[in-house]
N, C-alpha and C. Protein backbone atom coordinates (compact mmCIF):
# COMPACT_ATOMS: atom_id res chain seq x y z
N MET A 1 111.58 113.90 97.16
CA MET A 1 110.38 114.09 96.64
C MET A 1 110.43 115.40 96.20
N GLY A 2 109.76 115.47 94.85
CA GLY A 2 109.73 116.84 94.31
C GLY A 2 108.58 117.71 94.87
N LEU A 3 108.73 118.81 94.59
CA LEU A 3 107.84 119.88 95.30
C LEU A 3 106.67 119.88 94.08
N LYS A 4 105.38 119.93 94.65
CA LYS A 4 104.24 120.07 93.77
C LYS A 4 103.59 121.44 93.86
N GLU A 5 103.03 121.94 93.05
CA GLU A 5 102.44 123.29 92.92
C GLU A 5 101.00 123.06 93.37
N ILE A 6 100.60 123.69 94.53
CA ILE A 6 99.18 123.61 94.98
C ILE A 6 98.58 125.11 94.78
N GLN A 7 97.49 124.99 94.09
CA GLN A 7 96.78 126.17 93.90
C GLN A 7 95.33 126.10 94.27
N VAL A 8 94.83 127.24 94.77
CA VAL A 8 93.46 127.20 95.15
C VAL A 8 92.82 128.44 94.70
N LYS A 9 91.66 128.41 94.12
CA LYS A 9 91.02 129.67 93.50
C LYS A 9 89.97 130.14 94.49
N VAL A 10 90.06 131.53 94.83
CA VAL A 10 89.03 132.06 95.78
C VAL A 10 87.87 132.59 94.90
N LEU A 11 86.67 131.97 95.17
CA LEU A 11 85.42 132.33 94.45
C LEU A 11 84.60 133.23 95.23
N ASP A 12 84.18 134.21 94.74
CA ASP A 12 83.03 135.18 95.56
C ASP A 12 83.65 135.64 96.83
N ASN A 13 85.02 135.97 96.84
CA ASN A 13 85.59 136.65 98.05
C ASN A 13 85.45 135.68 99.25
N ASP A 14 85.25 134.34 99.13
CA ASP A 14 84.99 133.37 100.25
C ASP A 14 86.42 132.85 100.69
N LEU A 15 87.27 133.71 101.36
CA LEU A 15 88.57 133.42 101.97
C LEU A 15 88.51 132.09 102.71
N GLU A 16 87.57 132.07 103.69
CA GLU A 16 87.58 131.00 104.63
C GLU A 16 87.56 129.60 104.05
N LYS A 17 86.54 129.57 103.01
CA LYS A 17 86.37 128.23 102.31
C LYS A 17 87.77 127.97 101.40
N ALA A 18 88.34 129.01 100.88
CA ALA A 18 89.62 128.67 100.02
C ALA A 18 90.88 128.33 101.11
N MET A 19 90.74 128.71 102.33
CA MET A 19 91.72 128.38 103.24
C MET A 19 91.55 126.84 103.65
N ARG A 20 90.16 126.50 103.94
CA ARG A 20 89.83 125.23 104.19
C ARG A 20 90.24 124.17 103.11
N ILE A 21 90.07 124.49 101.89
CA ILE A 21 90.52 123.74 100.64
C ILE A 21 91.97 123.66 100.59
N LEU A 22 92.87 124.79 100.91
CA LEU A 22 94.09 124.62 100.76
C LEU A 22 94.76 123.77 101.91
N LYS A 23 94.20 123.82 103.11
CA LYS A 23 94.73 123.14 104.25
C LYS A 23 94.42 121.57 103.95
N LYS A 24 93.30 121.32 103.46
CA LYS A 24 93.04 119.85 102.93
C LYS A 24 93.83 119.38 101.91
N LYS A 25 94.22 120.33 100.83
CA LYS A 25 95.29 119.86 99.85
C LYS A 25 96.61 119.64 100.43
N ILE A 26 97.10 120.42 101.30
CA ILE A 26 98.22 120.39 101.94
C ILE A 26 98.43 119.16 102.82
N GLN A 27 97.31 118.87 103.60
CA GLN A 27 97.28 117.59 104.34
C GLN A 27 97.28 116.33 103.61
N ASN A 28 96.43 116.31 102.26
CA ASN A 28 96.53 115.15 101.64
C ASN A 28 97.86 114.95 100.90
N ASP A 29 98.68 115.98 100.61
CA ASP A 29 99.82 115.95 100.01
C ASP A 29 100.97 115.44 100.97
N GLY A 30 100.72 115.58 102.26
CA GLY A 30 101.69 115.14 103.31
C GLY A 30 102.64 116.14 103.82
N LEU A 31 102.43 117.22 103.32
CA LEU A 31 103.34 118.48 103.69
C LEU A 31 103.54 118.59 105.18
N PHE A 32 102.45 118.61 106.01
CA PHE A 32 102.29 118.80 107.40
C PHE A 32 103.16 117.75 107.96
N LYS A 33 102.96 116.52 107.55
CA LYS A 33 103.73 115.43 108.15
C LYS A 33 105.25 115.56 107.87
N ARG A 34 105.55 115.99 106.67
CA ARG A 34 106.96 116.10 106.54
C ARG A 34 107.51 117.30 107.30
N LEU A 35 106.88 118.39 107.57
CA LEU A 35 107.34 119.44 108.32
C LEU A 35 107.48 119.05 109.75
N LYS A 36 106.45 118.27 110.22
CA LYS A 36 106.59 117.77 111.75
C LYS A 36 107.88 116.86 111.87
N LEU A 37 108.03 116.09 110.88
CA LEU A 37 109.15 115.08 111.04
C LEU A 37 110.50 115.77 110.97
N LYS A 38 110.68 116.92 110.17
CA LYS A 38 111.93 117.65 109.87
C LYS A 38 112.03 118.76 111.15
N LYS A 39 111.02 118.95 112.03
CA LYS A 39 111.15 119.71 112.96
C LYS A 39 112.29 119.54 113.90
N SER A 40 112.42 118.20 114.33
CA SER A 40 113.31 117.81 115.32
C SER A 40 114.10 116.54 114.75
N TYR A 41 115.26 116.22 115.38
CA TYR A 41 116.13 115.17 114.90
C TYR A 41 115.50 113.73 115.35
N GLU A 42 115.63 112.96 114.29
CA GLU A 42 115.13 111.52 114.49
C GLU A 42 116.28 110.65 114.53
N LYS A 43 116.33 109.66 115.51
CA LYS A 43 117.39 108.85 115.60
C LYS A 43 117.25 107.76 114.41
N PRO A 44 118.36 107.18 113.87
CA PRO A 44 118.37 106.42 112.86
C PRO A 44 117.37 105.03 113.18
N SER A 45 117.42 104.60 114.49
CA SER A 45 116.61 103.46 114.80
C SER A 45 115.14 103.87 114.89
N GLU A 46 114.83 105.07 115.18
CA GLU A 46 113.52 105.49 115.22
C GLU A 46 112.98 105.60 113.74
N TYR A 47 114.01 106.28 112.86
CA TYR A 47 113.55 106.30 111.62
C TYR A 47 113.27 104.92 110.82
N LYS A 48 114.10 103.95 111.25
CA LYS A 48 113.72 102.66 110.57
C LYS A 48 112.30 102.09 111.17
N ARG A 49 112.15 102.28 112.43
CA ARG A 49 110.91 101.86 113.05
C ARG A 49 109.71 102.51 112.32
N ARG A 50 109.91 103.75 112.19
CA ARG A 50 108.66 104.43 111.66
C ARG A 50 108.46 104.02 110.21
N LYS A 51 109.53 103.76 109.39
CA LYS A 51 109.47 103.48 108.13
C LYS A 51 108.78 102.04 108.05
N GLN A 52 109.16 101.12 108.87
CA GLN A 52 108.57 99.70 109.01
C GLN A 52 107.12 99.76 109.30
N ARG A 53 106.68 100.64 110.19
CA ARG A 53 105.27 100.85 110.62
C ARG A 53 104.42 101.42 109.47
N GLU A 54 105.08 102.30 108.68
CA GLU A 54 104.40 102.75 107.64
C GLU A 54 104.14 101.84 106.61
N ALA A 55 105.17 100.97 106.39
CA ALA A 55 105.21 99.94 105.22
C ALA A 55 103.90 98.96 105.66
N LEU A 56 103.97 98.59 106.95
CA LEU A 56 102.91 97.69 107.37
C LEU A 56 101.58 98.25 107.25
N ARG A 57 101.43 99.45 107.72
CA ARG A 57 100.12 100.08 107.32
C ARG A 57 99.68 100.16 105.84
N ARG A 58 100.71 100.28 105.11
CA ARG A 58 100.40 100.26 103.57
C ARG A 58 99.92 99.13 103.27
N GLN A 59 100.59 97.89 103.60
CA GLN A 59 100.38 96.55 103.46
C GLN A 59 98.79 96.16 103.89
N ARG A 60 98.56 96.51 105.07
CA ARG A 60 97.18 96.21 105.66
C ARG A 60 96.12 96.93 104.82
N ILE A 61 96.32 98.14 104.36
CA ILE A 61 95.48 98.92 103.64
C ILE A 61 95.20 98.08 102.18
N ALA A 62 96.27 97.65 101.61
CA ALA A 62 96.18 97.08 100.41
C ALA A 62 95.68 95.83 100.45
N ALA A 63 95.90 94.96 101.53
CA ALA A 63 95.14 93.84 101.70
C ALA A 63 93.74 93.87 102.05
N ALA A 64 93.17 95.02 102.73
CA ALA A 64 91.75 95.17 103.04
C ALA A 64 91.11 95.64 101.68
N LYS A 65 91.92 96.41 100.68
CA LYS A 65 91.26 96.61 99.45
C LYS A 65 91.13 95.49 98.53
N ALA A 66 92.05 94.72 98.63
CA ALA A 66 92.15 93.45 97.84
C ALA A 66 91.01 92.55 98.23
N ALA A 67 90.97 92.21 99.57
CA ALA A 67 89.76 91.60 100.15
C ALA A 67 88.38 92.10 99.82
N ARG A 68 88.30 93.42 99.89
CA ARG A 68 86.89 93.97 99.45
C ARG A 68 86.60 93.69 98.05
N TYR A 69 87.49 93.69 96.97
CA TYR A 69 87.28 93.49 95.61
C TYR A 69 87.01 92.04 95.25
N ARG A 70 87.51 91.06 96.25
CA ARG A 70 87.38 89.67 96.08
C ARG A 70 85.96 89.31 96.08
N ARG A 71 85.30 89.98 96.85
CA ARG A 71 83.74 89.53 97.16
C ARG A 71 82.87 89.58 95.96
């Protein structure tokens, strides 16, 4: 995965709002999740299981979206 540049502009010296926006952007980018996974060692079997769960979740979301548009 390549690194993406994340920028947040501070308007009217409202630092709290800028920090909330930055946190949201980082969360949507998945950086927090990647950092949490890299914090400790993950066994290969756990890695495979996690990847499989993520794939199933993506499939369920895609199926739900497809069902919603069929109506």
